[in-house]
Amino acid sequence: MNEIQPLRQWAIGVALCLTLTHSPLGISHAYADSAPLQQALNQQVSAVEAHPLPIAEFYQLRDGQPAWQAVRAVESLVAALNSLETDGLTPEDYHADRLLDEFQRSQASSESAQAAFDIKATRSLLLALDHLERGKVNPRDVEPQWDAPRPERSYSLMRVVHAVDDYALDNAIALARPSSAAYQQLRDALKQHYQLVNLGSVPYLDARDESLRPGDEDDDVSVLRQRLALWGEADLQVADSSAYPMIGVQAASNRRIFDAPLEAAVRRFQRRHLLQEDGVVGEQTRLALNTSVASRIDQLRVNLERARWIRPMQSSEPRVWVDIAGYRMHYVRPNGQHWDARVVVGTPRRETPIIHSTISHLTINPSWTIPPTIMREDVLPQVRADIDYLARKNIQVISPMGEPLAAEEIDWQRPGGVMLRQVAGAGNPLGRVVVRFPNDDMIYLHDTPARGLFRRDQRALSSGCIRVEGVAELAQMLLQDTGSRYQMSSLLNGGSDRNVNLSQRIPIALHYLTAWPNAEGEVEFRPDIYRRDAALLAALQRPV
């Protein structure tokens, strides 16, 4: 019996150890269970069951076991939270700067303090995942017209639990991070701009009476090379004179000459900033070149947040989206083909709103019922000055019921409820095709007789609706992709105001993005035409 008793005690000890370090879900723990700690934890978890973050569910999946009672686990969490800086988020919002110190203090205190720290660390992780997946800022707080619900949590909380247990918190972060190529390209650009901060001071281009042009020889050309090198044109910098004898003598002259490679670099810079691509450094190009690295970092952070608001879609799902600040429209067809077009959007005084809807029907050869704002601000002053303006523009005066009225019988100083309708034709502002989708702002895509506007670099020129270059081609694709029997060629030869319903609605979204990758994957920096970035940046920087 004396030989059997130690063996029995050893077996009981092994079984107890296995019970304490492995849950039924297969979650292993690097520390022995503490009944007082677990009791304190369960009591505090009960108090946060109604929390909007899934804290209670997190601990349920862990069978009530604590998660952050080993220094290695907390160090892994802090490293993961600090990595969110490259997503444009602020690690301090999730206490990344304080968690290790608070962990050490809790370990020297009571089980209640240790449980409280455990829940705080869990909240930090889950809040970070929520912000990373859905955005830190509620879009409705900065975009009053935002009309789409915030995305629901889509990552697996069980996989997060396993990542915590394996000290692989970078895997947990990856579960929530948006997976789109555009998001990753914005994130890569932010990393690069953080690195630029450490390069030291780069001189700025001084204001000039005359533009810098190809062929010029000037000291400002040397500064231009340095500014372009800062923004990614490293090949413009000459070789190190200490490594190549006599190179400094040659470089001093070459750096002052606005040569062909420098012109090509200027054009590339202008293309990435939606400036006139002429190779000439005028006022607008100079201002863009002189933008600080800190400002570009802020711009990237703001647009990473906007990217988190955009609902992920399946690659095979057809959709139309309008890039308002980029002056482009994109249609992803059911077969995966992409069709792009230039667009004209609303002026800063009449902004194009952010909209999420579905395309329902087309109007062929439309008349135009002039919206109240345009009628009041644009048309009525013309009519009051010359009533013949209505006839010249083929504008009919109608009652709210659609009955024709005599223009000369209207008191145009107080026209009351009359409406103005411009008949279909070559001069109609809507052109020959309108693409319609339900929304509260009476916004639609349409044709235009003013085709020359599409050749401009800055195209915030409309009264809010979106003019699309080649919209008839878009309409034909929408008909074809939804199984319609109609052909645009025959529809355009028919009568006016013909509505053609689509048998299948196509999702459409209008988004405002002041930094976004182009088709080549290069991030473009666009003018903030509606001055929306500052409000979002302020909200993004506000502590949680």
Protein backbone atom coordinates (compact mmCIF):
# COMPACT_ATOMS: atom_id res chain seq x y z
CA MET A 1 0.00 0.00 0.00
CA ASN A 2 2.90 2.34 0.70
CA GLU A 3 4.03 2.05 -2.96
CA ILE A 4 0.49 2.51 -4.39
CA GLN A 5 -0.41 5.64 -2.40
CA PRO A 6 2.20 7.99 -4.04
CA LEU A 7 1.17 6.74 -7.48
CA ARG A 8 -2.52 7.50 -6.75
CA GLN A 9 -1.63 11.01 -5.54
CA TRP A 10 0.42 11.63 -8.71
CA ALA A 11 -2.51 10.57 -10.93
CA ILE A 12 -4.96 12.84 -9.08
CA GLY A 13 -2.53 15.74 -9.42
CA VAL A 14 -2.18 15.22 -13.20
CA ALA A 15 -5.95 15.06 -13.63
CA LEU A 16 -6.42 18.25 -11.61
CA CYS A 17 -3.76 20.00 -13.63
CA LEU A 18 -5.44 19.01 -16.88
CA THR A 19 -8.80 20.19 -15.54
CA LEU A 20 -7.37 23.58 -14.67
CA THR A 21 -5.47 24.17 -17.90
CA HIS A 22 -7.86 22.89 -20.57
CA SER A 23 -11.47 23.92 -21.05
CA PRO A 24 -14.02 21.74 -22.85
CA LEU A 25 -13.61 24.08 -25.84
CA GLY A 26 -9.92 23.25 -26.12
CA ILE A 27 -8.74 26.60 -24.73
CA SER A 28 -5.46 26.12 -22.90
CA HIS A 29 -4.27 28.44 -20.17
CA ALA A 30 -0.73 29.12 -19.04
CA TYR A 31 -1.70 29.64 -15.42
CA ALA A 32 -3.57 27.61 -12.81
CA ASP A 33 -7.18 28.53 -12.20
CA SER A 34 -7.89 30.61 -9.13
CA ALA A 35 -11.33 30.11 -7.63
CA PRO A 36 -11.42 33.53 -5.89
CA LEU A 37 -10.29 35.29 -9.09
CA GLN A 38 -12.81 33.44 -11.22
CA GLN A 39 -15.57 34.21 -8.73
CA ALA A 40 -14.65 37.90 -8.75
CA LEU A 41 -14.50 37.85 -12.54
CA ASN A 42 -17.91 36.20 -12.91
CA GLN A 43 -19.48 38.76 -10.60
CA GLN A 44 -18.05 41.67 -12.60
CA VAL A 45 -18.92 40.11 -15.95
CA SER A 46 -22.54 39.85 -14.82
CA ALA A 47 -22.55 43.61 -14.39
CA VAL A 48 -21.58 44.20 -18.05
CA GLU A 49 -23.95 41.74 -19.73
CA ALA A 50 -25.88 44.62 -21.30
CA HIS A 51 -22.72 46.28 -22.63
CA PRO A 52 -22.88 46.96 -26.41
CA LEU A 53 -19.56 45.15 -26.81
CA PRO A 54 -19.75 41.33 -26.52
CA ILE A 55 -17.75 41.21 -23.26
CA ALA A 56 -20.00 38.69 -21.54
CA GLU A 57 -20.04 36.49 -24.65
CA PHE A 58 -16.23 36.61 -24.76
CA TYR A 59 -16.01 35.15 -21.25
CA GLN A 60 -18.77 32.65 -21.89
CA LEU A 61 -16.66 31.26 -24.73
CA ARG A 62 -13.78 31.02 -22.25
CA ASP A 63 -15.94 29.15 -19.69
CA GLY A 64 -15.60 32.12 -17.36
CA GLN A 65 -11.80 31.93 -17.32
CA PRO A 66 -9.73 35.17 -17.16
CA ALA A 67 -7.72 36.09 -20.23
CA TRP A 68 -5.14 38.67 -19.15
CA GLN A 69 -3.39 37.31 -16.05
CA ALA A 70 -0.05 36.56 -17.75
CA VAL A 71 2.37 39.31 -18.75
CA ARG A 72 2.93 37.67 -22.14
CA ALA A 73 -0.79 37.97 -22.93
CA VAL A 74 -0.87 41.66 -22.00
CA GLU A 75 2.31 42.38 -23.99
CA SER A 76 0.76 40.70 -27.03
CA LEU A 77 -2.37 42.82 -26.64
CA VAL A 78 -0.40 46.07 -26.30
CA ALA A 79 1.61 45.26 -29.44
CA ALA A 80 -1.58 44.56 -31.38
CA LEU A 81 -3.23 47.78 -30.21
CA ASN A 82 -0.14 49.82 -31.12
CA SER A 83 -0.28 48.37 -34.65
CA LEU A 84 -3.61 50.17 -35.18
CA GLU A 85 -1.70 53.39 -35.76
CA THR A 86 -1.22 52.22 -39.35
CA ASP A 87 -5.01 52.00 -39.65
CA GLY A 88 -5.30 55.65 -38.70
CA LEU A 89 -6.67 54.81 -35.24
CA THR A 90 -5.21 56.06 -31.94
CA PRO A 91 -3.77 53.26 -29.74
CA GLU A 92 -4.26 55.42 -26.63
CA ASP A 93 -8.03 55.16 -27.18
CA TYR A 94 -7.64 51.51 -26.17
CA HIS A 95 -5.21 52.21 -23.28
CA ALA A 96 -2.24 50.70 -25.09
CA ASP A 97 0.02 53.14 -23.23
CA ARG A 98 -1.27 52.12 -19.78
CA LEU A 99 -2.24 48.46 -19.85
CA LEU A 100 1.11 47.02 -18.78
CA ASP A 101 1.40 49.33 -15.78
CA GLU A 102 -2.19 48.65 -14.78
CA PHE A 103 -1.57 44.93 -15.14
CA GLN A 104 1.41 45.08 -12.78
CA ARG A 105 -0.56 47.06 -10.21
CA SER A 106 -3.50 44.65 -10.38
CA GLN A 107 -1.21 41.67 -9.86
CA ALA A 108 -0.01 43.21 -6.60
CA SER A 109 -3.58 43.82 -5.47
CA SER A 110 -6.75 41.82 -4.82
CA GLU A 111 -8.59 39.30 -6.99
CA SER A 112 -11.25 41.96 -7.50
CA ALA A 113 -8.65 44.34 -8.97
CA GLN A 114 -7.28 41.56 -11.18
CA ALA A 115 -10.78 40.77 -12.44
CA ALA A 116 -11.44 44.45 -13.12
CA PHE A 117 -8.22 44.68 -15.13
CA ASP A 118 -9.13 41.55 -17.08
CA ILE A 119 -12.45 43.04 -18.13
CA LYS A 120 -10.82 46.38 -19.00
CA ALA A 121 -8.25 44.66 -21.23
CA THR A 122 -11.03 42.67 -22.92
CA ARG A 123 -13.02 45.86 -23.49
CA SER A 124 -9.94 47.49 -25.04
CA LEU A 125 -9.54 44.63 -27.48
CA LEU A 126 -13.24 44.40 -28.41
CA LEU A 127 -13.57 48.17 -28.78
CA ALA A 128 -10.54 48.22 -31.08
CA LEU A 129 -12.03 45.42 -33.18
CA ASP A 130 -15.36 47.26 -33.36
CA HIS A 131 -13.71 50.49 -34.50
CA LEU A 132 -11.52 48.65 -36.98
CA GLU A 133 -14.42 46.82 -38.59
CA ARG A 134 -17.17 49.49 -38.49
CA GLY A 135 -15.34 52.78 -37.89
CA LYS A 136 -14.68 54.72 -34.71
CA VAL A 137 -17.00 57.56 -35.73
CA ASN A 138 -20.68 57.02 -36.40
CA PRO A 139 -21.04 58.45 -39.93
CA ARG A 140 -24.33 60.12 -38.99
CA ASP A 141 -22.43 62.31 -36.51
CA VAL A 142 -20.48 64.00 -39.31
CA GLU A 143 -22.63 63.22 -42.36
CA PRO A 144 -26.20 64.17 -41.41
CA GLN A 145 -27.56 62.80 -44.68
CA TRP A 146 -25.95 59.38 -44.21
CA ASP A 147 -28.69 56.86 -44.96
CA ALA A 148 -27.07 53.43 -44.56
CA PRO A 149 -27.00 51.28 -41.42
CA ARG A 150 -23.62 50.63 -39.83
CA PRO A 151 -22.28 47.14 -40.64
CA GLU A 152 -22.86 44.44 -38.06
CA ARG A 153 -20.00 42.49 -36.53
CA SER A 154 -18.92 39.81 -38.97
CA TYR A 155 -15.75 38.38 -37.46
CA SER A 156 -15.84 35.18 -35.37
CA LEU A 157 -15.58 35.90 -31.65
CA MET A 158 -14.52 32.31 -31.08
CA ARG A 159 -11.52 32.87 -33.36
CA VAL A 160 -10.68 35.96 -31.33
CA VAL A 161 -10.79 33.87 -28.16
CA HIS A 162 -8.37 31.35 -29.65
CA ALA A 163 -6.06 34.14 -30.86
CA VAL A 164 -5.98 35.53 -27.30
CA ASP A 165 -5.17 32.12 -25.90
CA ASP A 166 -2.35 31.65 -28.43
CA TYR A 167 -0.91 35.13 -27.72
CA ALA A 168 -1.52 35.87 -31.42
CA LEU A 169 -3.40 39.13 -31.08
CA ASP A 170 -2.28 40.24 -34.54
CA ASN A 171 -4.51 37.43 -35.84
CA ALA A 172 -7.44 38.83 -33.87
CA ILE A 173 -6.84 42.27 -35.36
CA ALA A 174 -6.71 40.79 -38.85
CA LEU A 175 -10.17 39.25 -38.35
CA ALA A 176 -11.77 42.69 -38.07
CA ARG A 177 -9.61 44.71 -40.45
CA PRO A 178 -11.34 45.44 -43.80
CA SER A 179 -9.97 43.11 -46.46
CA SER A 180 -10.48 45.25 -49.56
CA ALA A 181 -7.50 46.07 -51.73
CA ALA A 182 -8.31 49.79 -51.51
CA TYR A 183 -8.16 49.72 -47.72
CA GLN A 184 -4.80 47.97 -47.74
CA GLN A 185 -3.43 50.45 -50.29
CA LEU A 186 -4.53 53.37 -48.11
CA ARG A 187 -2.94 51.68 -45.12
CA ASP A 188 0.33 51.14 -46.99
CA ALA A 189 0.32 54.81 -47.97
CA LEU A 190 -0.15 55.83 -44.33
CA LYS A 191 2.81 53.66 -43.30
CA GLN A 192 4.95 55.35 -45.94
CA HIS A 193 3.91 58.81 -44.76
CA TYR A 194 4.74 57.97 -41.16
CA GLN A 195 8.22 57.08 -42.40
CA LEU A 196 8.48 60.44 -44.18
CA VAL A 197 8.16 62.20 -40.83
CA ASN A 198 11.62 60.92 -39.92
CA LEU A 199 13.35 62.23 -43.05
CA GLY A 200 13.94 65.70 -41.66
CA SER A 201 13.15 69.10 -43.10
CA VAL A 202 12.59 69.56 -46.83
CA PRO A 203 12.48 73.15 -48.18
CA TYR A 204 9.24 74.56 -49.57
CA LEU A 205 8.70 76.18 -52.94
CA ASP A 206 8.34 79.95 -52.64
CA ALA A 207 5.48 81.77 -54.33
CA ARG A 208 6.42 83.12 -57.76
CA ASP A 209 4.99 85.63 -60.19
CA GLU A 210 5.57 83.17 -63.04
CA SER A 211 5.11 79.42 -63.21
CA LEU A 212 8.06 77.05 -63.34
CA ARG A 213 8.13 75.48 -66.80
CA PRO A 214 10.08 72.78 -68.63
CA GLY A 215 13.35 74.24 -69.87
CA ASP A 216 13.71 76.75 -67.02
CA GLU A 217 17.01 77.00 -65.19
CA ASP A 218 16.49 78.30 -61.68
CA ASP A 219 17.35 77.63 -58.03
CA ASP A 220 13.67 76.85 -57.48
CA VAL A 221 14.06 73.83 -59.77
CA SER A 222 16.41 72.31 -57.20
CA VAL A 223 13.77 72.81 -54.50
CA LEU A 224 11.16 71.31 -56.84
CA ARG A 225 13.28 68.18 -57.15
CA GLN A 226 13.45 67.88 -53.37
CA ARG A 227 9.70 68.30 -52.93
CA LEU A 228 8.97 65.69 -55.60
CA ALA A 229 11.52 63.32 -54.07
CA LEU A 230 9.68 63.68 -50.76
CA TRP A 231 6.47 62.60 -52.49
CA GLY A 232 7.98 59.49 -54.04
CA GLU A 233 10.06 60.61 -57.03
CA ALA A 234 13.37 59.44 -55.56
CA ASP A 235 15.06 59.07 -58.98
CA LEU A 236 15.17 62.86 -59.33
CA GLN A 237 17.85 63.14 -56.67
CA VAL A 238 21.45 63.06 -57.96
CA ALA A 239 24.11 60.65 -56.78
CA ASP A 240 26.23 61.22 -53.65
CA SER A 241 29.26 63.35 -54.58
CA SER A 242 31.37 61.66 -51.90
CA ALA A 243 30.95 58.33 -53.65
CA TYR A 244 31.30 59.59 -57.23
CA PRO A 245 34.14 62.09 -57.89
CA MET A 246 33.10 65.19 -59.89
CA ILE A 247 29.42 64.28 -59.61
CA GLY A 248 28.83 67.28 -57.36
CA VAL A 249 30.11 69.70 -60.01
CA GLN A 250 27.80 68.22 -62.62
CA ALA A 251 24.88 67.94 -60.21
CA ALA A 252 24.96 71.60 -59.18
CA SER A 253 24.09 72.56 -62.74
CA ASN A 254 21.76 69.67 -63.54
CA ARG A 255 19.64 70.20 -60.43
CA ARG A 256 18.73 73.73 -61.61
CA ILE A 257 17.47 72.61 -65.03
CA PHE A 258 13.80 71.71 -65.54
CA ASP A 259 14.51 68.76 -67.83
CA ALA A 260 12.29 66.08 -69.39
CA PRO A 261 12.48 63.56 -66.50
CA LEU A 262 11.49 66.32 -64.10
CA GLU A 263 8.56 67.31 -66.31
CA ALA A 264 7.38 63.68 -66.38
CA ALA A 265 7.59 63.57 -62.57
CA VAL A 266 5.55 66.78 -62.29
CA ARG A 267 2.89 65.31 -64.58
CA ARG A 268 2.70 62.15 -62.47
CA PHE A 269 2.32 64.25 -59.34
CA GLN A 270 -0.42 66.33 -60.96
CA ARG A 271 -2.27 63.21 -62.06
CA ARG A 272 -2.21 61.82 -58.50
CA HIS A 273 -3.62 65.09 -57.17
CA LEU A 274 -6.34 65.71 -59.80
CA LEU A 275 -4.54 68.78 -61.11
CA GLN A 276 -4.19 69.92 -64.71
CA GLU A 277 -1.60 67.51 -66.11
CA ASP A 278 0.52 69.99 -68.05
CA GLY A 279 3.96 69.59 -66.44
CA VAL A 280 3.93 73.25 -65.39
CA VAL A 281 4.32 74.18 -61.72
CA GLY A 282 1.70 76.90 -61.24
CA GLU A 283 -0.06 78.04 -58.10
CA GLN A 284 -2.23 74.94 -57.56
CA THR A 285 0.60 72.50 -58.19
CA ARG A 286 2.92 74.50 -55.91
CA LEU A 287 0.36 74.41 -53.09
CA ALA A 288 -0.06 70.64 -53.48
CA LEU A 289 3.73 70.13 -53.50
CA ASN A 290 4.05 72.25 -50.35
CA THR A 291 1.44 70.32 -48.40
CA SER A 292 2.96 69.08 -45.15
CA VAL A 293 3.46 65.40 -44.41
CA ALA A 294 1.31 65.82 -41.28
CA SER A 295 -1.59 67.09 -43.41
CA ARG A 296 -1.36 64.10 -45.74
CA ILE A 297 -1.28 61.77 -42.72
CA ASP A 298 -4.49 63.39 -41.45
CA GLN A 299 -6.06 63.03 -44.90
CA LEU A 300 -5.19 59.34 -45.05
CA ARG A 301 -6.53 58.73 -41.54
CA VAL A 302 -9.82 60.42 -42.43
CA ASN A 303 -10.28 58.32 -45.55
CA LEU A 304 -9.32 55.07 -43.84
CA GLU A 305 -12.20 55.84 -41.49
CA ARG A 306 -14.51 56.43 -44.46
CA ALA A 307 -13.32 53.15 -45.98
CA ARG A 308 -14.42 51.38 -42.78
CA TRP A 309 -17.94 52.74 -43.30
CA ILE A 310 -18.28 51.21 -46.76
CA ARG A 311 -20.23 47.98 -46.69
CA PRO A 312 -18.18 45.05 -48.00
CA MET A 313 -19.69 43.45 -51.09
CA GLN A 314 -19.17 40.14 -52.81
CA SER A 315 -16.90 40.39 -55.85
CA SER A 316 -19.68 38.99 -58.07
CA GLU A 317 -22.31 41.45 -56.83
CA PRO A 318 -23.15 44.10 -59.47
CA ARG A 319 -22.99 47.66 -58.18
CA VAL A 320 -22.58 51.27 -59.22
CA TRP A 321 -20.68 53.71 -57.08
CA VAL A 322 -19.91 57.35 -57.57
CA ASP A 323 -16.60 58.67 -56.25
CA ILE A 324 -17.74 62.26 -55.67
CA ALA A 325 -14.41 63.92 -54.85
CA GLY A 326 -12.64 61.83 -57.49
CA TYR A 327 -15.12 62.84 -60.21
CA ARG A 328 -15.52 59.20 -61.34
CA MET A 329 -18.29 56.64 -61.60
CA HIS A 330 -17.63 52.89 -61.49
CA TYR A 331 -19.94 50.08 -62.54
CA VAL A 332 -19.00 46.52 -61.60
CA ARG A 333 -21.06 44.28 -63.86
CA PRO A 334 -22.37 40.80 -62.89
CA ASN A 335 -19.63 39.20 -65.01
CA GLY A 336 -16.96 41.11 -63.07
CA GLN A 337 -16.22 43.57 -65.88
CA HIS A 338 -15.52 47.13 -64.74
CA TRP A 339 -16.84 50.18 -66.56
CA ASP A 340 -15.64 53.64 -65.52
CA ALA A 341 -16.67 57.12 -66.56
CA ARG A 342 -15.90 60.74 -65.72
CA VAL A 343 -18.65 62.60 -63.90
CA VAL A 344 -19.62 66.15 -62.98
CA VAL A 345 -20.82 66.57 -59.39
CA GLY A 346 -22.37 69.33 -57.27
CA THR A 347 -20.66 72.60 -56.53
CA PRO A 348 -19.56 73.45 -52.96
CA ARG A 349 -22.75 75.54 -52.72
CA ARG A 350 -24.94 72.63 -53.88
CA GLU A 351 -23.18 69.54 -52.65
CA THR A 352 -23.87 66.07 -53.98
CA PRO A 353 -25.01 64.10 -50.91
CA ILE A 354 -23.86 60.67 -49.81
CA ILE A 355 -26.56 58.19 -50.85
CA HIS A 356 -27.09 54.41 -50.65
CA SER A 357 -29.90 53.14 -52.85
CA THR A 358 -30.74 50.86 -55.78
CA ILE A 359 -31.24 51.82 -59.42
CA SER A 360 -34.92 51.25 -60.25
CA HIS A 361 -35.59 52.65 -63.73
CA LEU A 362 -34.45 54.79 -66.65
CA THR A 363 -36.14 57.82 -68.16
CA ILE A 364 -35.55 58.21 -71.89
CA ASN A 365 -35.72 61.61 -73.62
CA PRO A 366 -36.70 63.30 -70.35
CA SER A 367 -38.30 66.63 -69.78
CA TRP A 368 -36.96 68.50 -66.77
CA THR A 369 -39.11 69.75 -63.95
CA ILE A 370 -36.89 72.43 -62.49
CA PRO A 371 -36.18 71.79 -58.78
CA PRO A 372 -37.34 74.49 -56.33
CA THR A 373 -33.82 75.64 -55.35
CA ILE A 374 -32.68 76.03 -58.95
CA MET A 375 -35.95 77.71 -59.88
CA ARG A 376 -35.67 80.19 -57.02
CA GLU A 377 -31.95 80.98 -57.28
CA ASP A 378 -31.20 80.58 -60.99
CA VAL A 379 -34.29 80.72 -63.18
CA LEU A 380 -36.60 83.28 -61.55
CA PRO A 381 -34.01 86.10 -61.70
CA GLN A 382 -33.72 85.43 -65.46
CA VAL A 383 -37.51 85.41 -65.94
CA ARG A 384 -37.98 88.62 -63.96
CA ALA A 385 -35.38 90.32 -66.14
CA ASP A 386 -36.84 88.97 -69.42
CA ILE A 387 -39.99 86.88 -69.64
CA ASP A 388 -38.96 85.71 -73.13
CA TYR A 389 -36.26 83.64 -71.39
CA LEU A 390 -38.89 80.92 -70.89
CA ALA A 391 -39.64 80.61 -74.62
CA ARG A 392 -35.98 80.65 -75.60
CA LYS A 393 -35.27 77.77 -73.23
CA ASN A 394 -38.42 75.80 -74.13
CA ILE A 395 -39.65 76.06 -70.53
CA GLN A 396 -43.34 75.47 -69.87
CA VAL A 397 -45.24 76.99 -66.92
CA ILE A 398 -47.51 74.43 -65.23
CA SER A 399 -49.65 74.16 -62.13
CA PRO A 400 -48.88 71.68 -59.32
CA MET A 401 -51.43 69.39 -61.04
CA GLY A 402 -49.52 69.58 -64.34
CA GLU A 403 -51.92 71.91 -66.15
CA PRO A 404 -50.37 74.47 -68.55
CA LEU A 405 -50.45 78.13 -67.45
CA ALA A 406 -49.92 81.36 -69.38
CA ALA A 407 -46.55 82.84 -68.44
CA GLU A 408 -47.69 86.43 -68.95
CA GLU A 409 -50.48 85.98 -66.39
CA ILE A 410 -48.12 85.01 -63.58
CA ASP A 411 -46.82 87.51 -61.02
CA TRP A 412 -43.17 86.48 -61.22
CA GLN A 413 -42.31 88.49 -58.11
CA ARG A 414 -44.66 86.15 -56.20
CA PRO A 415 -45.20 83.12 -58.45
CA GLY A 416 -46.75 81.00 -55.73
CA GLY A 417 -46.94 77.28 -56.43
CA VAL A 418 -46.29 77.33 -60.17
CA MET A 419 -43.79 74.87 -61.60
CA LEU A 420 -41.44 75.13 -64.55
CA ARG A 421 -40.77 72.26 -66.92
CA GLN A 422 -38.24 72.26 -69.74
CA VAL A 423 -39.32 70.04 -72.63
CA ALA A 424 -37.18 67.23 -73.95
CA GLY A 425 -34.68 68.15 -76.61
CA ALA A 426 -31.10 68.99 -77.43
CA GLY A 427 -30.95 71.87 -74.97
CA ASN A 428 -32.47 70.01 -72.02
CA PRO A 429 -29.94 69.88 -69.12
CA LEU A 430 -30.75 66.20 -68.54
CA GLY A 431 -29.77 65.23 -72.06
CA ARG A 432 -31.43 62.10 -73.37
CA VAL A 433 -31.08 59.60 -70.49
CA VAL A 434 -31.71 59.70 -66.74
CA VAL A 435 -30.78 56.83 -64.39
CA ARG A 436 -33.03 56.97 -61.35
CA PHE A 437 -32.80 55.56 -57.82
CA PRO A 438 -35.02 56.35 -54.79
CA ASN A 439 -33.62 59.01 -52.43
CA ASP A 440 -34.85 61.98 -50.44
CA ASP A 441 -32.72 64.54 -52.29
CA MET A 442 -34.06 64.05 -55.84
CA ILE A 443 -30.57 63.07 -57.03
CA TYR A 444 -30.03 61.00 -60.17
CA LEU A 445 -27.45 60.20 -62.85
CA HIS A 446 -28.04 61.86 -66.18
CA ASP A 447 -26.79 62.85 -69.60
CA THR A 448 -25.86 66.44 -70.48
CA PRO A 449 -25.52 68.52 -73.65
CA ALA A 450 -22.47 70.25 -72.08
CA ARG A 451 -20.01 67.47 -72.94
CA GLY A 452 -17.00 69.78 -72.72
CA LEU A 453 -17.28 69.86 -68.93
CA PHE A 454 -15.94 66.30 -68.76
CA ARG A 455 -12.57 67.49 -70.06
CA ARG A 456 -12.00 69.70 -67.01
CA ASP A 457 -9.80 68.45 -64.17
CA GLN A 458 -12.01 69.93 -61.44
CA ARG A 459 -15.64 68.98 -62.11
CA ALA A 460 -17.67 70.21 -59.11
CA LEU A 461 -19.98 72.16 -61.42
CA SER A 462 -23.54 70.80 -61.16
CA SER A 463 -26.51 71.61 -58.95
CA GLY A 464 -26.15 68.33 -57.05
CA CYS A 465 -27.08 65.63 -59.56
CA ILE A 466 -24.39 63.62 -61.33
CA ARG A 467 -23.74 64.08 -65.02
CA VAL A 468 -22.15 60.93 -66.46
CA GLU A 469 -20.01 60.80 -69.58
CA GLY A 470 -21.37 58.05 -71.82
CA VAL A 471 -24.47 57.52 -69.70
CA ALA A 472 -26.35 55.95 -72.65
CA GLU A 473 -23.74 53.18 -72.70
CA LEU A 474 -24.25 52.69 -68.97
CA ALA A 475 -28.02 52.52 -69.50
CA GLN A 476 -27.60 49.85 -72.18
CA MET A 477 -25.43 47.74 -69.85
CA LEU A 478 -27.99 48.09 -67.05
CA LEU A 479 -30.73 46.88 -69.40
CA GLN A 480 -28.62 43.99 -70.63
CA ASP A 481 -27.41 42.96 -67.15
CA THR A 482 -30.95 42.88 -65.74
CA GLY A 483 -32.39 40.81 -68.58
CA SER A 484 -34.39 43.56 -70.25
CA ARG A 485 -35.66 43.12 -73.82
CA TYR A 486 -35.19 46.83 -74.57
CA GLN A 487 -32.36 48.33 -76.60
CA MET A 488 -31.24 51.92 -76.11
CA SER A 489 -31.00 52.49 -79.86
CA SER A 490 -34.75 52.02 -80.30
CA LEU A 491 -35.68 53.74 -77.03
CA LEU A 492 -33.79 56.90 -77.95
CA ASN A 493 -35.78 57.14 -81.19
CA GLY A 494 -39.08 57.05 -79.35
CA GLY A 495 -41.12 59.66 -77.53
CA SER A 496 -40.25 61.77 -74.50
CA ASP A 497 -40.46 60.91 -70.80
CA ARG A 498 -40.55 57.15 -71.33
CA ASN A 499 -39.81 55.26 -68.11
CA VAL A 500 -38.25 51.80 -68.38
CA ASN A 501 -38.18 49.74 -65.19
CA LEU A 502 -35.29 47.41 -64.45
CA SER A 503 -36.42 43.89 -63.60
CA GLN A 504 -33.60 43.68 -61.07
CA ARG A 505 -32.44 46.61 -58.98
CA ILE A 506 -28.73 47.41 -59.03
CA PRO A 507 -27.16 48.77 -55.81
CA ILE A 508 -25.72 52.28 -56.07
CA ALA A 509 -23.67 54.28 -53.56
CA LEU A 510 -22.40 57.85 -53.68
CA HIS A 511 -19.29 58.28 -51.50
CA TYR A 512 -17.06 61.23 -50.64
CA LEU A 513 -13.37 60.20 -50.54
CA THR A 514 -10.54 62.75 -50.60
CA ALA A 515 -7.80 60.10 -50.74
CA TRP A 516 -8.38 56.87 -52.64
CA PRO A 517 -6.39 54.44 -54.83
CA ASN A 518 -6.71 54.74 -58.59
CA ALA A 519 -6.85 51.79 -60.99
CA GLU A 520 -3.07 51.42 -60.78
CA GLY A 521 -3.17 51.20 -56.98
CA GLU A 522 -1.60 54.64 -56.45
CA VAL A 523 -3.34 56.70 -53.79
CA GLU A 524 -4.72 59.94 -55.22
CA PHE A 525 -5.07 63.00 -53.00
CA ARG A 526 -8.11 65.04 -54.02
CA PRO A 527 -9.17 68.55 -53.05
CA ASP A 528 -11.64 68.56 -50.16
CA ILE A 529 -14.23 70.33 -52.31
CA TYR A 530 -16.98 70.22 -49.67
CA ARG A 531 -14.72 70.91 -46.65
CA ARG A 532 -15.80 67.75 -44.87
CA ASP A 533 -12.42 66.41 -43.74
CA ALA A 534 -11.93 68.73 -40.76
CA ALA A 535 -15.10 67.66 -38.96
CA LEU A 536 -14.32 63.98 -39.40
CA LEU A 537 -10.70 64.43 -38.29
CA ALA A 538 -11.86 66.23 -35.14
CA ALA A 539 -14.28 63.40 -34.36
CA LEU A 540 -11.61 60.80 -35.07
CA GLN A 541 -9.17 62.50 -32.68
CA ARG A 542 -11.72 62.84 -29.88
CA PRO A 543 -10.89 60.41 -27.04
CA VAL A 544 -13.37 57.62 -26.44
